[in-house]
Amino acid sequence: MVKEKISCWQGSKILYNLCMGKVVVVRRDGDPTTDRLSAEGYRPLVASGLKALSGEADVTSAIRRYIPAGVIGMKINGLTSKLNSTPVALTEVLSSVLEQAGTEDNDIVIWERTNRELVEAGFTLNASSFGRRCLGTDTDGVGYGRRFYSSGEVSSLLSRVLTDVVDYNMNLPVLKDHSIAGLSAGLKNMFGAINNPNKYHDNNCDPYCGEVNNLGPIRSRNRLTIIDATRVQYQGGPGYMAGYMARYGGLVISDDPVAADRVGLEVLERLRLENGLPTLEDAGRPAKYLRSAEALGLGTADFSRISLTVLFVNAEGGIREGELFG
């Protein structure tokens, strides 16, 4: 089953068109008004979401279905310091899941473009051979590789964290509005893995978001997208604007990076509607790069072809199915 799924994920455009992206959204059941979740708050969301996505009965089997043994990266988004970056608590829970599955702590690498972004987001740097690692591409001895990788109009050097340090990667973005791309989620987060992201923002970042994610090491190493949608910046992104922040209380989890973003877009658009804002298309910022990414065989952008499961988890661990908004 795993080999079949990976073949579908890595295969030709024609083969991928026959595949349906599977996405699980897991939300807190009850009052979602808490600003930030602790590790204990994330733990049942992560466990329930991974088990539902994989069909496995336990979280260890679930994570190994997508992330084989080896050195595992976690690409965070640290753009807005502690205000709205990937939460440390989420990485702690995922790290503990990996360690329970047999991954050594030093084989876990939390990373971002710069050490400054990591520190300002609340992470503790560690480039040593002991303990969980946490480092920016600008760490001494890391940097960008010397080889240019190309796809379509994109030609970039890649962070050596991705090409030389980790075997597999989990993409851990934050769901938010983007002033140019419209949507900032998993695909856009991988702009943090290339040396020249400033070159690829024309035309609402289309087709560049797809082409960046189609670069060989990104496409082959990214195995899971886990979008933090506990707090969603539905306008004014990708920076932080407190007046446009909504509490959704959920995670979007998938091994299909395009489908994960497409479901995230649905959440973002609904929050914009509820707050009296136009659609991203009407605002001149359509997330059209999703269709271009689908055309590259990266995943499913057609919402009608996404197998979506929405779960609500309460404080006692009880689970019920529901809707994206309900």
C-alpha atoms as a PDB file:
ATOM      1  CA  MET A   1       0.000   0.000   0.000  1.00  0.00           C
ATOM      2  CA  VAL A   2       2.783   2.443   0.904  1.00  0.00           C
ATOM      3  CA  LYS A   3       4.734   1.686  -2.245  1.00  0.00           C
ATOM      4  CA  GLU A   4       1.593   2.126  -4.307  1.00  0.00           C
ATOM      5  CA  LYS A   5       0.905   5.523  -2.749  1.00  0.00           C
ATOM      6  CA  ILE A   6       4.477   6.728  -3.177  1.00  0.00           C
ATOM      7  CA  SER A   7       4.444   5.566  -6.782  1.00  0.00           C
ATOM      8  CA  CYS A   8       1.284   7.557  -7.328  1.00  0.00           C
ATOM      9  CA  TRP A   9       2.809  10.582  -5.581  1.00  0.00           C
ATOM     10  CA  GLN A  10       6.088  10.432  -7.503  1.00  0.00           C
ATOM     11  CA  GLY A  11       4.715   9.251 -10.820  1.00  0.00           C
ATOM     12  CA  SER A  12       3.749  10.890 -14.068  1.00  0.00           C
ATOM     13  CA  LYS A  13       1.222  13.661 -14.487  1.00  0.00           C
ATOM     14  CA  ILE A  14      -1.177  11.235 -16.167  1.00  0.00           C
ATOM     15  CA  LEU A  15      -0.933   8.734 -13.309  1.00  0.00           C
ATOM     16  CA  TYR A  16      -1.403  11.420 -10.695  1.00  0.00           C
ATOM     17  CA  ASN A  17      -4.585  12.598 -12.368  1.00  0.00           C
ATOM     18  CA  LEU A  18      -6.080   9.230 -11.429  1.00  0.00           C
ATOM     19  CA  CYS A  19      -5.193   9.683  -7.762  1.00  0.00           C
ATOM     20  CA  MET A  20      -7.338  11.368  -5.155  1.00  0.00           C
ATOM     21  CA  GLY A  21      -5.599  13.491  -2.569  1.00  0.00           C
ATOM     22  CA  LYS A  22      -6.420  12.562   0.996  1.00  0.00           C
ATOM     23  CA  VAL A  23      -6.522  15.251   3.677  1.00  0.00           C
ATOM     24  CA  VAL A  24      -7.415  15.125   7.351  1.00  0.00           C
ATOM     25  CA  VAL A  25      -8.406  18.232   9.265  1.00  0.00           C
ATOM     26  CA  VAL A  26      -8.403  17.716  13.011  1.00  0.00           C
ATOM     27  CA  ARG A  27      -9.840  20.402  15.278  1.00  0.00           C
ATOM     28  CA  ARG A  28     -10.303  21.033  18.974  1.00  0.00           C
ATOM     29  CA  ASP A  29     -13.850  20.208  20.032  1.00  0.00           C
ATOM     30  CA  GLY A  30     -15.350  22.877  22.231  1.00  0.00           C
ATOM     31  CA  ASP A  31     -14.263  26.440  22.815  1.00  0.00           C
ATOM     32  CA  PRO A  32     -11.354  27.197  20.405  1.00  0.00           C
ATOM     33  CA  THR A  33     -10.567  30.600  21.891  1.00  0.00           C
ATOM     34  CA  THR A  34      -7.265  29.733  23.578  1.00  0.00           C
ATOM     35  CA  ASP A  35      -4.574  31.747  21.800  1.00  0.00           C
ATOM     36  CA  ARG A  36      -1.940  29.050  21.775  1.00  0.00           C
ATOM     37  CA  LEU A  37      -1.945  25.329  22.370  1.00  0.00           C
ATOM     38  CA  SER A  38       0.533  23.608  24.659  1.00  0.00           C
ATOM     39  CA  ALA A  39       2.224  20.384  23.657  1.00  0.00           C
ATOM     40  CA  GLU A  40      -0.523  18.549  25.534  1.00  0.00           C
ATOM     41  CA  GLY A  41      -3.079  20.427  23.462  1.00  0.00           C
ATOM     42  CA  TYR A  42      -1.418  19.420  20.201  1.00  0.00           C
ATOM     43  CA  ARG A  43      -0.775  15.802  21.152  1.00  0.00           C
ATOM     44  CA  PRO A  44      -4.302  14.410  20.587  1.00  0.00           C
ATOM     45  CA  LEU A  45      -4.678  16.429  17.376  1.00  0.00           C
ATOM     46  CA  VAL A  46      -1.448  15.043  15.933  1.00  0.00           C
ATOM     47  CA  ALA A  47      -2.171  11.466  17.000  1.00  0.00           C
ATOM     48  CA  SER A  48      -5.771  11.486  15.740  1.00  0.00           C
ATOM     49  CA  GLY A  49      -4.836  13.172  12.486  1.00  0.00           C
ATOM     50  CA  LEU A  50      -1.951  10.861  11.627  1.00  0.00           C
ATOM     51  CA  LYS A  51      -3.962   7.745  12.421  1.00  0.00           C
ATOM     52  CA  ALA A  52      -6.914   8.927  10.353  1.00  0.00           C
ATOM     53  CA  LEU A  53      -4.704   9.831   7.390  1.00  0.00           C
ATOM     54  CA  SER A  54      -2.805   6.564   7.419  1.00  0.00           C
ATOM     55  CA  GLY A  55      -5.534   4.154   8.495  1.00  0.00           C
ATOM     56  CA  GLU A  56      -3.160   2.761  11.125  1.00  0.00           C
ATOM     57  CA  ALA A  57      -4.306   1.911  14.639  1.00  0.00           C
ATOM     58  CA  ASP A  58      -1.366   3.521  16.443  1.00  0.00           C
ATOM     59  CA  VAL A  59       0.598   6.698  15.917  1.00  0.00           C
ATOM     60  CA  THR A  60       3.981   4.923  15.591  1.00  0.00           C
ATOM     61  CA  SER A  61       2.790   2.882  12.622  1.00  0.00           C
ATOM     62  CA  ALA A  62       1.106   5.987  11.245  1.00  0.00           C
ATOM     63  CA  ILE A  63       4.232   8.146  11.199  1.00  0.00           C
ATOM     64  CA  ARG A  64       6.371   5.345   9.772  1.00  0.00           C
ATOM     65  CA  ARG A  65       3.924   4.920   6.912  1.00  0.00           C
ATOM     66  CA  TYR A  66       5.133   8.266   5.603  1.00  0.00           C
ATOM     67  CA  ILE A  67       8.486   8.895   7.284  1.00  0.00           C
ATOM     68  CA  PRO A  68      10.901   5.951   7.139  1.00  0.00           C
ATOM     69  CA  ALA A  69      13.858   5.704   9.477  1.00  0.00           C
ATOM     70  CA  GLY A  70      16.647   8.197   8.893  1.00  0.00           C
ATOM     71  CA  VAL A  71      17.397  11.838   9.592  1.00  0.00           C
ATOM     72  CA  ILE A  72      14.099  13.747   9.653  1.00  0.00           C
ATOM     73  CA  GLY A  73      13.748  17.461   8.967  1.00  0.00           C
ATOM     74  CA  MET A  74      10.960  19.784  10.075  1.00  0.00           C
ATOM     75  CA  LYS A  75      10.808  22.934   7.948  1.00  0.00           C
ATOM     76  CA  ILE A  76       9.047  25.551  10.049  1.00  0.00           C
ATOM     77  CA  ASN A  77       7.831  29.031   9.166  1.00  0.00           C
ATOM     78  CA  GLY A  78       9.477  31.621  11.410  1.00  0.00           C
ATOM     79  CA  LEU A  79       8.565  34.799   9.568  1.00  0.00           C
ATOM     80  CA  THR A  80       6.589  36.452  12.370  1.00  0.00           C
ATOM     81  CA  SER A  81       8.696  35.580  15.445  1.00  0.00           C
ATOM     82  CA  LYS A  82       6.537  34.318  18.341  1.00  0.00           C
ATOM     83  CA  LEU A  83       3.492  36.201  17.066  1.00  0.00           C
ATOM     84  CA  ASN A  84       2.386  33.642  14.477  1.00  0.00           C
ATOM     85  CA  SER A  85       5.213  31.296  13.524  1.00  0.00           C
ATOM     86  CA  THR A  86       5.163  27.503  13.614  1.00  0.00           C
ATOM     87  CA  PRO A  87       4.688  26.739  17.331  1.00  0.00           C
ATOM     88  CA  VAL A  88       7.519  25.129  19.256  1.00  0.00           C
ATOM     89  CA  ALA A  89       4.886  22.949  20.941  1.00  0.00           C
ATOM     90  CA  LEU A  90       3.883  21.354  17.628  1.00  0.00           C
ATOM     91  CA  THR A  91       7.486  20.414  16.830  1.00  0.00           C
ATOM     92  CA  GLU A  92       7.881  18.988  20.334  1.00  0.00           C
ATOM     93  CA  VAL A  93       4.919  16.672  19.832  1.00  0.00           C
ATOM     94  CA  LEU A  94       6.073  15.531  16.403  1.00  0.00           C
ATOM     95  CA  SER A  95       9.583  14.976  17.742  1.00  0.00           C
ATOM     96  CA  SER A  96       8.253  12.796  20.541  1.00  0.00           C
ATOM     97  CA  VAL A  97       6.202  10.778  18.024  1.00  0.00           C
ATOM     98  CA  LEU A  98       9.319  10.190  15.937  1.00  0.00           C
ATOM     99  CA  GLU A  99      11.379   9.251  18.977  1.00  0.00           C
ATOM    100  CA  GLN A 100       8.727   6.771  20.108  1.00  0.00           C
ATOM    101  CA  ALA A 101       8.984   5.267  16.626  1.00  0.00           C
ATOM    102  CA  GLY A 102      12.729   4.762  17.099  1.00  0.00           C
ATOM    103  CA  THR A 103      14.290   7.928  15.682  1.00  0.00           C
ATOM    104  CA  GLU A 104      17.304   9.135  17.683  1.00  0.00           C
ATOM    105  CA  ASP A 105      16.880  12.645  19.024  1.00  0.00           C
ATOM    106  CA  ASN A 106      19.926  13.935  17.108  1.00  0.00           C
ATOM    107  CA  ASP A 107      18.353  12.641  13.885  1.00  0.00           C
ATOM    108  CA  ILE A 108      15.572  15.223  14.221  1.00  0.00           C
ATOM    109  CA  VAL A 109      16.402  18.578  12.604  1.00  0.00           C
ATOM    110  CA  ILE A 110      14.137  21.606  13.004  1.00  0.00           C
ATOM    111  CA  TRP A 111      15.188  24.185  10.439  1.00  0.00           C
ATOM    112  CA  GLU A 112      14.477  27.496   8.773  1.00  0.00           C
ATOM    113  CA  ARG A 113      16.310  30.024   6.600  1.00  0.00           C
ATOM    114  CA  THR A 114      18.128  31.758   9.436  1.00  0.00           C
ATOM    115  CA  ASN A 115      19.106  31.214  13.035  1.00  0.00           C
ATOM    116  CA  ARG A 116      17.619  34.607  13.843  1.00  0.00           C
ATOM    117  CA  GLU A 117      14.156  33.517  12.685  1.00  0.00           C
ATOM    118  CA  LEU A 118      14.350  30.345  14.744  1.00  0.00           C
ATOM    119  CA  VAL A 119      15.391  32.161  17.908  1.00  0.00           C
ATOM    120  CA  GLU A 120      12.780  34.874  17.479  1.00  0.00           C
ATOM    121  CA  ALA A 121      10.123  32.191  16.996  1.00  0.00           C
ATOM    122  CA  GLY A 122      11.080  30.682  20.359  1.00  0.00           C
ATOM    123  CA  PHE A 123      13.323  27.806  19.307  1.00  0.00           C
ATOM    124  CA  THR A 124      16.641  26.931  20.930  1.00  0.00           C
ATOM    125  CA  LEU A 125      19.509  26.517  18.472  1.00  0.00           C
ATOM    126  CA  ASN A 126      21.484  23.299  18.535  1.00  0.00           C
ATOM    127  CA  ALA A 127      23.913  22.282  15.793  1.00  0.00           C
ATOM    128  CA  SER A 128      25.761  19.774  17.986  1.00  0.00           C
ATOM    129  CA  SER A 129      25.834  15.992  17.790  1.00  0.00           C
ATOM    130  CA  PHE A 130      23.749  15.693  20.969  1.00  0.00           C
ATOM    131  CA  GLY A 131      20.016  16.224  21.322  1.00  0.00           C
ATOM    132  CA  ARG A 132      17.446  17.378  18.801  1.00  0.00           C
ATOM    133  CA  ARG A 133      19.016  19.690  16.287  1.00  0.00           C
ATOM    134  CA  CYS A 134      17.694  23.135  15.457  1.00  0.00           C
ATOM    135  CA  LEU A 135      19.534  25.249  12.923  1.00  0.00           C
ATOM    136  CA  GLY A 136      19.212  27.795  10.168  1.00  0.00           C
ATOM    137  CA  THR A 137      20.645  27.483   6.704  1.00  0.00           C
ATOM    138  CA  ASP A 138      23.014  30.297   7.698  1.00  0.00           C
ATOM    139  CA  THR A 139      24.625  28.098  10.374  1.00  0.00           C
ATOM    140  CA  ASP A 140      28.402  27.841   9.945  1.00  0.00           C
ATOM    141  CA  GLY A 141      29.199  24.869   7.737  1.00  0.00           C
ATOM    142  CA  VAL A 142      25.673  24.587   6.296  1.00  0.00           C
ATOM    143  CA  GLY A 143      24.643  27.240   3.774  1.00  0.00           C
ATOM    144  CA  TYR A 144      23.367  26.566   0.272  1.00  0.00           C
ATOM    145  CA  GLY A 145      24.761  23.913  -2.041  1.00  0.00           C
ATOM    146  CA  ARG A 146      26.719  24.741  -5.165  1.00  0.00           C
ATOM    147  CA  ARG A 147      24.381  22.963  -7.563  1.00  0.00           C
ATOM    148  CA  PHE A 148      21.511  24.805  -9.218  1.00  0.00           C
ATOM    149  CA  TYR A 149      18.279  22.812  -9.378  1.00  0.00           C
ATOM    150  CA  SER A 150      15.809  23.810 -12.061  1.00  0.00           C
ATOM    151  CA  SER A 151      12.133  23.350 -12.889  1.00  0.00           C
ATOM    152  CA  GLY A 152      10.400  25.493 -15.486  1.00  0.00           C
ATOM    153  CA  GLU A 153      11.323  29.110 -14.823  1.00  0.00           C
ATOM    154  CA  VAL A 154      12.894  28.382 -11.436  1.00  0.00           C
ATOM    155  CA  SER A 155      16.620  27.838 -10.979  1.00  0.00           C
ATOM    156  CA  SER A 156      17.889  27.901  -7.406  1.00  0.00           C
ATOM    157  CA  LEU A 157      20.451  26.733  -4.936  1.00  0.00           C
ATOM    158  CA  LEU A 158      18.943  24.683  -2.109  1.00  0.00           C
ATOM    159  CA  SER A 159      19.635  24.691   1.588  1.00  0.00           C
ATOM    160  CA  ARG A 160      22.141  22.002   2.470  1.00  0.00           C
ATOM    161  CA  VAL A 161      19.911  21.123   5.417  1.00  0.00           C
ATOM    162  CA  LEU A 162      17.548  19.674   2.829  1.00  0.00           C
ATOM    163  CA  THR A 163      20.065  18.263   0.355  1.00  0.00           C
ATOM    164  CA  ASP A 164      22.866  17.026   2.621  1.00  0.00           C
ATOM    165  CA  VAL A 165      21.576  16.717   6.180  1.00  0.00           C
ATOM    166  CA  VAL A 166      18.079  15.196   6.199  1.00  0.00           C
ATOM    167  CA  ASP A 167      16.729  12.124   4.455  1.00  0.00           C
ATOM    168  CA  TYR A 168      13.059  13.112   4.690  1.00  0.00           C
ATOM    169  CA  ASN A 169      11.227  16.296   5.558  1.00  0.00           C
ATOM    170  CA  MET A 170       7.979  17.351   7.182  1.00  0.00           C
ATOM    171  CA  ASN A 171       6.677  20.724   6.028  1.00  0.00           C
ATOM    172  CA  LEU A 172       5.187  22.664   8.967  1.00  0.00           C
ATOM    173  CA  PRO A 173       3.750  25.956   7.689  1.00  0.00           C
ATOM    174  CA  VAL A 174       1.222  28.304   9.255  1.00  0.00           C
ATOM    175  CA  LEU A 175      -2.021  29.006   7.393  1.00  0.00           C
ATOM    176  CA  LYS A 176      -2.238  32.661   6.404  1.00  0.00           C
ATOM    177  CA  ASP A 177      -3.073  35.229   3.788  1.00  0.00           C
ATOM    178  CA  HIS A 178      -0.278  36.434   1.522  1.00  0.00           C
ATOM    179  CA  SER A 179      -0.158  39.910   0.019  1.00  0.00           C
ATOM    180  CA  ILE A 180       1.026  38.565  -3.364  1.00  0.00           C
ATOM    181  CA  ALA A 181       0.340  34.827  -3.562  1.00  0.00           C
ATOM    182  CA  GLY A 182      -3.033  35.034  -1.832  1.00  0.00           C
ATOM    183  CA  LEU A 183      -2.396  31.852   0.133  1.00  0.00           C
ATOM    184  CA  SER A 184       0.643  31.078   2.253  1.00  0.00           C
ATOM    185  CA  ALA A 185       0.738  27.454   3.405  1.00  0.00           C
ATOM    186  CA  GLY A 186       2.859  24.424   2.525  1.00  0.00           C
ATOM    187  CA  LEU A 187       3.981  25.139  -1.032  1.00  0.00           C
ATOM    188  CA  LYS A 188       4.853  28.748  -0.279  1.00  0.00           C
ATOM    189  CA  ASN A 189       6.751  27.711   2.867  1.00  0.00           C
ATOM    190  CA  MET A 190       9.348  25.919   0.754  1.00  0.00           C
ATOM    191  CA  PHE A 191      10.492  29.271  -0.632  1.00  0.00           C
ATOM    192  CA  GLY A 192      12.476  29.204   2.614  1.00  0.00           C
ATOM    193  CA  ALA A 193      14.593  26.367   1.209  1.00  0.00           C
ATOM    194  CA  ILE A 194      15.968  28.271  -1.806  1.00  0.00           C
ATOM    195  CA  ASN A 195      18.583  31.011  -2.073  1.00  0.00           C
ATOM    196  CA  ASN A 196      16.625  33.400  -4.317  1.00  0.00           C
ATOM    197  CA  PRO A 197      12.919  33.474  -3.328  1.00  0.00           C
ATOM    198  CA  ASN A 198      12.679  37.189  -4.183  1.00  0.00           C
ATOM    199  CA  LYS A 199      12.824  36.282  -7.885  1.00  0.00           C
ATOM    200  CA  TYR A 200       9.614  34.268  -7.839  1.00  0.00           C
ATOM    201  CA  HIS A 201       6.804  36.556  -6.690  1.00  0.00           C
ATOM    202  CA  ASP A 202       5.472  37.872  -9.994  1.00  0.00           C
ATOM    203  CA  ASN A 203       2.010  36.843 -11.219  1.00  0.00           C
ATOM    204  CA  ASN A 204       0.813  35.857  -7.711  1.00  0.00           C
ATOM    205  CA  CYS A 205       3.810  33.505  -7.424  1.00  0.00           C
ATOM    206  CA  ASP A 206       2.442  31.422 -10.296  1.00  0.00           C
ATOM    207  CA  PRO A 207       3.796  29.059 -11.523  1.00  0.00           C
ATOM    208  CA  TYR A 208       6.752  29.508  -9.211  1.00  0.00           C
ATOM    209  CA  CYS A 209       5.286  27.946  -6.064  1.00  0.00           C
ATOM    210  CA  GLY A 210       4.722  24.720  -7.943  1.00  0.00           C
ATOM    211  CA  GLU A 211       8.077  24.844  -9.681  1.00  0.00           C
ATOM    212  CA  VAL A 212       9.992  25.420  -6.430  1.00  0.00           C
ATOM    213  CA  ASN A 213       8.281  22.368  -4.950  1.00  0.00           C
ATOM    214  CA  ASN A 214       9.080  20.409  -8.091  1.00  0.00           C
ATOM    215  CA  LEU A 215      12.837  20.836  -7.553  1.00  0.00           C
ATOM    216  CA  GLY A 216      14.235  17.329  -7.098  1.00  0.00           C
ATOM    217  CA  PRO A 217      15.270  17.309  -3.425  1.00  0.00           C
ATOM    218  CA  ILE A 218      12.120  19.164  -2.300  1.00  0.00           C
ATOM    219  CA  ARG A 219       9.788  16.867  -4.207  1.00  0.00           C
ATOM    220  CA  SER A 220      11.511  13.673  -3.096  1.00  0.00           C
ATOM    221  CA  ARG A 221      12.153  14.532   0.561  1.00  0.00           C
ATOM    222  CA  ASN A 222       8.884  16.233   1.542  1.00  0.00           C
ATOM    223  CA  ARG A 223       6.651  13.445   2.853  1.00  0.00           C
ATOM    224  CA  LEU A 224       4.087  15.169   5.050  1.00  0.00           C
ATOM    225  CA  THR A 225       2.514  18.593   5.195  1.00  0.00           C
ATOM    226  CA  ILE A 226       1.081  19.603   8.554  1.00  0.00           C
ATOM    227  CA  ILE A 227      -0.427  23.087   8.349  1.00  0.00           C
ATOM    228  CA  ASP A 228      -0.966  24.819  11.667  1.00  0.00           C
ATOM    229  CA  ALA A 229      -4.414  26.393  11.438  1.00  0.00           C
ATOM    230  CA  THR A 230      -5.005  26.877  15.124  1.00  0.00           C
ATOM    231  CA  ARG A 231      -4.748  30.636  14.515  1.00  0.00           C
ATOM    232  CA  VAL A 232      -5.263  31.897  10.955  1.00  0.00           C
ATOM    233  CA  GLN A 233      -4.104  35.235   9.565  1.00  0.00           C
ATOM    234  CA  TYR A 234      -6.939  35.712   7.049  1.00  0.00           C
ATOM    235  CA  GLN A 235      -5.862  39.202   5.900  1.00  0.00           C
ATOM    236  CA  GLY A 236      -2.694  41.283   6.108  1.00  0.00           C
ATOM    237  CA  GLY A 237      -0.270  38.384   5.705  1.00  0.00           C
ATOM    238  CA  PRO A 238       2.307  37.091   5.488  1.00  0.00           C
ATOM    239  CA  GLY A 239       3.236  39.364   8.381  1.00  0.00           C
ATOM    240  CA  TYR A 240       1.276  39.607  11.615  1.00  0.00           C
ATOM    241  CA  MET A 241      -1.801  41.807  12.018  1.00  0.00           C
ATOM    242  CA  ALA A 242      -3.698  41.053  15.201  1.00  0.00           C
ATOM    243  CA  GLY A 243      -6.938  42.583  13.898  1.00  0.00           C
ATOM    244  CA  TYR A 244      -7.175  39.958  11.162  1.00  0.00           C
ATOM    245  CA  MET A 245      -6.450  36.874  13.233  1.00  0.00           C
ATOM    246  CA  ALA A 246      -9.060  34.114  13.629  1.00  0.00           C
ATOM    247  CA  ARG A 247      -8.942  31.084  15.900  1.00  0.00           C
ATOM    248  CA  TYR A 248      -9.757  27.944  13.929  1.00  0.00           C
ATOM    249  CA  GLY A 249      -8.228  25.453  16.344  1.00  0.00           C
ATOM    250  CA  GLY A 250      -7.070  22.876  13.825  1.00  0.00           C
ATOM    251  CA  LEU A 251      -4.348  21.143  11.840  1.00  0.00           C
ATOM    252  CA  VAL A 252      -4.469  20.248   8.133  1.00  0.00           C
ATOM    253  CA  ILE A 253      -2.535  17.018   7.538  1.00  0.00           C
ATOM    254  CA  SER A 254      -1.742  15.288   4.240  1.00  0.00           C
ATOM    255  CA  ASP A 255       0.910  13.513   2.227  1.00  0.00           C
ATOM    256  CA  ASP A 256      -0.434  15.425  -0.793  1.00  0.00           C
ATOM    257  CA  PRO A 257       1.091  18.922  -0.564  1.00  0.00           C
ATOM    258  CA  VAL A 258      -1.269  20.473  -3.097  1.00  0.00           C
ATOM    259  CA  ALA A 259      -4.416  18.994  -1.557  1.00  0.00           C
ATOM    260  CA  ALA A 260      -3.317  20.192   1.895  1.00  0.00           C
ATOM    261  CA  ASP A 261      -2.966  23.739   0.581  1.00  0.00           C
ATOM    262  CA  ARG A 262      -6.273  23.520  -1.292  1.00  0.00           C
ATOM    263  CA  VAL A 263      -8.110  22.596   1.905  1.00  0.00           C
ATOM    264  CA  GLY A 264      -6.248  25.367   3.712  1.00  0.00           C
ATOM    265  CA  LEU A 265      -7.468  27.760   1.025  1.00  0.00           C
ATOM    266  CA  GLU A 266     -11.048  26.695   1.719  1.00  0.00           C
ATOM    267  CA  VAL A 267     -10.600  27.579   5.391  1.00  0.00           C
ATOM    268  CA  LEU A 268      -8.938  30.888   4.576  1.00  0.00           C
ATOM    269  CA  GLU A 269     -11.655  31.929   2.122  1.00  0.00           C
ATOM    270  CA  ARG A 270     -14.426  31.038   4.576  1.00  0.00           C
ATOM    271  CA  LEU A 271     -12.816  33.120   7.309  1.00  0.00           C
ATOM    272  CA  ARG A 272     -12.506  36.027   4.903  1.00  0.00           C
ATOM    273  CA  LEU A 273     -16.185  35.694   4.005  1.00  0.00           C
ATOM    274  CA  GLU A 274     -17.232  35.564   7.656  1.00  0.00           C
ATOM    275  CA  ASN A 275     -15.280  38.749   8.290  1.00  0.00           C
ATOM    276  CA  GLY A 276     -16.717  40.710   5.372  1.00  0.00           C
ATOM    277  CA  LEU A 277     -13.737  40.492   3.046  1.00  0.00           C
ATOM    278  CA  PRO A 278     -13.768  39.688  -0.698  1.00  0.00           C
ATOM    279  CA  THR A 279     -12.492  36.424  -2.071  1.00  0.00           C
ATOM    280  CA  LEU A 280      -8.800  36.337  -2.831  1.00  0.00           C
ATOM    281  CA  GLU A 281      -9.611  36.338  -6.533  1.00  0.00           C
ATOM    282  CA  ASP A 282     -11.750  39.458  -6.176  1.00  0.00           C
ATOM    283  CA  ALA A 283      -8.928  41.007  -4.145  1.00  0.00           C
ATOM    284  CA  GLY A 284      -6.539  40.397  -7.071  1.00  0.00           C
ATOM    285  CA  ARG A 285      -4.618  37.665  -5.264  1.00  0.00           C
ATOM    286  CA  PRO A 286      -5.962  34.325  -6.499  1.00  0.00           C
ATOM    287  CA  ALA A 287      -4.046  31.244  -5.357  1.00  0.00           C
ATOM    288  CA  LYS A 288      -3.770  30.127  -8.964  1.00  0.00           C
ATOM    289  CA  TYR A 289      -0.410  28.457  -8.400  1.00  0.00           C
ATOM    290  CA  LEU A 290      -2.279  25.442  -7.010  1.00  0.00           C
ATOM    291  CA  ARG A 291      -3.468  24.509 -10.509  1.00  0.00           C
ATOM    292  CA  SER A 292       0.061  24.876 -11.863  1.00  0.00           C
ATOM    293  CA  ALA A 293       1.354  22.620  -9.088  1.00  0.00           C
ATOM    294  CA  GLU A 294      -1.273  20.021  -9.967  1.00  0.00           C
ATOM    295  CA  ALA A 295      -0.207  20.188 -13.617  1.00  0.00           C
ATOM    296  CA  LEU A 296       3.317  19.281 -12.498  1.00  0.00           C
ATOM    297  CA  GLY A 297       1.952  16.145 -10.839  1.00  0.00           C
ATOM    298  CA  LEU A 298       2.609  17.425  -7.324  1.00  0.00           C
ATOM    299  CA  GLY A 299      -0.903  16.772  -6.025  1.00  0.00           C
ATOM    300  CA  THR A 300      -4.615  17.494  -6.242  1.00  0.00           C
ATOM    301  CA  ALA A 301      -5.880  21.064  -6.601  1.00  0.00           C
ATOM    302  CA  ASP A 302      -9.461  20.158  -7.538  1.00  0.00           C
ATOM    303  CA  PHE A 303     -11.422  20.286  -4.274  1.00  0.00           C
ATOM    304  CA  SER A 304     -14.010  17.836  -5.635  1.00  0.00           C
ATOM    305  CA  ARG A 305     -11.288  15.179  -6.015  1.00  0.00           C
ATOM    306  CA  ILE A 306      -9.955  15.493  -2.479  1.00  0.00           C
ATOM    307  CA  SER A 307     -10.936  12.867   0.079  1.00  0.00           C
ATOM    308  CA  LEU A 308     -11.491  15.046   3.130  1.00  0.00           C
ATOM    309  CA  THR A 309     -12.043  13.891   6.701  1.00  0.00           C
ATOM    310  CA  VAL A 310     -12.742  16.423   9.453  1.00  0.00           C
ATOM    311  CA  LEU A 311     -12.388  15.271  13.059  1.00  0.00           C
ATOM    312  CA  PHE A 312     -13.132  17.086  16.306  1.00  0.00           C
ATOM    313  CA  VAL A 313     -11.186  15.977  19.394  1.00  0.00           C
ATOM    314  CA  ASN A 314     -12.351  16.973  22.867  1.00  0.00           C
ATOM    315  CA  ALA A 315     -10.331  17.400  26.055  1.00  0.00           C
ATOM    316  CA  GLU A 316     -11.013  13.787  27.092  1.00  0.00           C
ATOM    317  CA  GLY A 317      -9.773  12.406  23.778  1.00  0.00           C
ATOM    318  CA  GLY A 318     -13.214  11.740  22.354  1.00  0.00           C
ATOM    319  CA  ILE A 319     -13.438  12.025  18.562  1.00  0.00           C
ATOM    320  CA  ARG A 320     -16.350  12.877  16.312  1.00  0.00           C
ATOM    321  CA  GLU A 321     -16.586  13.606  12.620  1.00  0.00           C
ATOM    322  CA  GLY A 322     -17.759  16.994  11.422  1.00  0.00           C
ATOM    323  CA  GLU A 323     -17.381  19.655   8.751  1.00  0.00           C
ATOM    324  CA  LEU A 324     -14.702  22.254   8.033  1.00  0.00           C
ATOM    325  CA  PHE A 325     -17.055  24.801   9.542  1.00  0.00           C
ATOM    326  CA  GLY A 326     -19.648  23.447  11.918  1.00  0.00           C
END
